[in-house]
Amino acid sequence: MALPVMTVEQRAKALAKAAEARTARRALLAEVASGAVSVAEVVERSG
């Protein structure tokens, strides 16, 4: 399957969205690691 052809603006927007998702995921993992949030709470948030 070929990758879709994106404009420069679309690519920049996709990269920014991916960076935002990584930042949010990193913050959540840090909360779990510190014990501030339990794995059960993470599961509840996603559902």
N, C-alpha and C. Protein backbone atom coordinates (compact mmCIF):
# COMPACT_ATOMS: atom_id res chain seq x y z
N MET A 1 0.84 -1.17 0.00
CA MET A 1 0.00 0.00 0.00
C MET A 1 0.89 1.24 0.00
N ALA A 2 0.63 2.13 -0.90
CA ALA A 2 1.42 3.35 -1.03
C ALA A 2 0.95 4.39 -0.02
N LEU A 3 1.88 5.21 0.42
CA LEU A 3 1.53 6.30 1.32
C LEU A 3 0.80 7.39 0.56
N PRO A 4 -0.15 8.05 1.20
CA PRO A 4 -0.86 9.13 0.51
C PRO A 4 0.08 10.31 0.27
N VAL A 5 -0.16 11.00 -0.82
CA VAL A 5 0.62 12.19 -1.13
C VAL A 5 0.00 13.35 -0.37
N MET A 6 0.84 14.04 0.43
CA MET A 6 0.35 15.16 1.23
C MET A 6 1.06 16.44 0.84
N THR A 7 0.35 17.54 1.01
CA THR A 7 0.97 18.83 0.78
C THR A 7 1.90 19.13 1.96
N VAL A 8 2.69 20.14 1.82
CA VAL A 8 3.60 20.55 2.89
C VAL A 8 2.80 20.91 4.14
N GLU A 9 1.69 21.62 3.95
CA GLU A 9 0.86 22.02 5.08
C GLU A 9 0.24 20.81 5.77
N GLN A 10 -0.25 19.85 4.99
CA GLN A 10 -0.84 18.63 5.56
C GLN A 10 0.20 17.85 6.35
N ARG A 11 1.39 17.75 5.80
CA ARG A 11 2.46 17.02 6.49
C ARG A 11 2.83 17.71 7.80
N ALA A 12 2.95 19.03 7.77
CA ALA A 12 3.28 19.78 8.98
C ALA A 12 2.20 19.59 10.04
N LYS A 13 0.94 19.62 9.61
CA LYS A 13 -0.17 19.44 10.55
C LYS A 13 -0.14 18.03 11.15
N ALA A 14 0.13 17.02 10.32
CA ALA A 14 0.20 15.64 10.79
C ALA A 14 1.37 15.46 11.77
N LEU A 15 2.49 16.06 11.48
CA LEU A 15 3.65 15.97 12.38
C LEU A 15 3.37 16.64 13.71
N ALA A 16 2.68 17.78 13.69
CA ALA A 16 2.34 18.47 14.93
C ALA A 16 1.36 17.64 15.76
N LYS A 17 0.40 17.03 15.09
CA LYS A 17 -0.58 16.19 15.78
C LYS A 17 0.11 14.97 16.41
N ALA A 18 1.03 14.38 15.70
CA ALA A 18 1.77 13.22 16.23
C ALA A 18 2.63 13.63 17.43
N ALA A 19 3.26 14.78 17.36
CA ALA A 19 4.08 15.26 18.47
C ALA A 19 3.21 15.51 19.70
N GLU A 20 2.01 16.06 19.49
CA GLU A 20 1.09 16.31 20.59
C GLU A 20 0.66 14.99 21.25
N ALA A 21 0.41 13.99 20.43
CA ALA A 21 0.01 12.68 20.96
C ALA A 21 1.15 12.05 21.76
N ARG A 22 2.37 12.17 21.27
CA ARG A 22 3.52 11.62 22.00
C ARG A 22 3.72 12.32 23.33
N THR A 23 3.52 13.64 23.35
CA THR A 23 3.66 14.41 24.58
C THR A 23 2.62 13.99 25.61
N ALA A 24 1.38 13.83 25.16
CA ALA A 24 0.30 13.41 26.06
C ALA A 24 0.56 12.00 26.60
N ARG A 25 1.01 11.11 25.73
CA ARG A 25 1.30 9.74 26.14
C ARG A 25 2.45 9.71 27.14
N ARG A 26 3.49 10.51 26.91
CA ARG A 26 4.64 10.59 27.82
C ARG A 26 4.19 11.10 29.19
N ALA A 27 3.32 12.09 29.22
CA ALA A 27 2.83 12.65 30.48
C ALA A 27 2.01 11.61 31.24
N LEU A 28 1.17 10.87 30.53
CA LEU A 28 0.35 9.85 31.17
C LEU A 28 1.23 8.73 31.74
N LEU A 29 2.22 8.30 30.99
CA LEU A 29 3.12 7.26 31.48
C LEU A 29 3.90 7.74 32.72
N ALA A 30 4.26 9.01 32.75
CA ALA A 30 4.95 9.56 33.91
C ALA A 30 4.03 9.55 35.13
N GLU A 31 2.74 9.86 34.92
CA GLU A 31 1.79 9.82 36.02
C GLU A 31 1.63 8.40 36.56
N VAL A 32 1.59 7.43 35.67
CA VAL A 32 1.46 6.03 36.10
C VAL A 32 2.73 5.61 36.85
N ALA A 33 3.87 5.99 36.33
CA ALA A 33 5.14 5.62 36.96
C ALA A 33 5.29 6.22 38.35
N SER A 34 4.77 7.43 38.52
CA SER A 34 4.90 8.09 39.83
C SER A 34 3.84 7.61 40.82
N GLY A 35 2.85 6.91 40.33
CA GLY A 35 1.79 6.42 41.20
C GLY A 35 0.63 7.39 41.35
N ALA A 36 0.68 8.51 40.64
CA ALA A 36 -0.39 9.50 40.72
C ALA A 36 -1.67 8.98 40.07
N VAL A 37 -1.51 8.08 39.10
CA VAL A 37 -2.65 7.50 38.38
C VAL A 37 -2.43 5.99 38.31
N SER A 38 -3.49 5.24 38.52
CA SER A 38 -3.37 3.78 38.42
C SER A 38 -3.68 3.33 37.00
N VAL A 39 -3.26 2.13 36.68
CA VAL A 39 -3.55 1.57 35.36
C VAL A 39 -5.06 1.45 35.17
N ALA A 40 -5.77 1.11 36.23
CA ALA A 40 -7.23 1.01 36.15
C ALA A 40 -7.85 2.35 35.77
N GLU A 41 -7.32 3.44 36.32
CA GLU A 41 -7.82 4.77 35.97
C GLU A 41 -7.55 5.09 34.51
N VAL A 42 -6.41 4.67 34.01
CA VAL A 42 -6.08 4.90 32.60
C VAL A 42 -7.07 4.17 31.71
N VAL A 43 -7.39 2.94 32.08
CA VAL A 43 -8.35 2.14 31.30
C VAL A 43 -9.72 2.81 31.34
N GLU A 44 -10.12 3.31 32.49
CA GLU A 44 -11.41 3.99 32.62
C GLU A 44 -11.47 5.24 31.74
N ARG A 45 -10.37 5.98 31.68
CA ARG A 45 -10.33 7.18 30.85
C ARG A 45 -10.52 6.85 29.37
N SER A 46 -9.98 5.73 28.94
CA SER A 46 -10.03 5.39 27.52
C SER A 46 -11.39 4.85 27.09
N GLY A 47 -12.20 4.42 28.04
CA GLY A 47 -13.47 3.80 27.69
C GLY A 47 -14.57 4.71 27.85
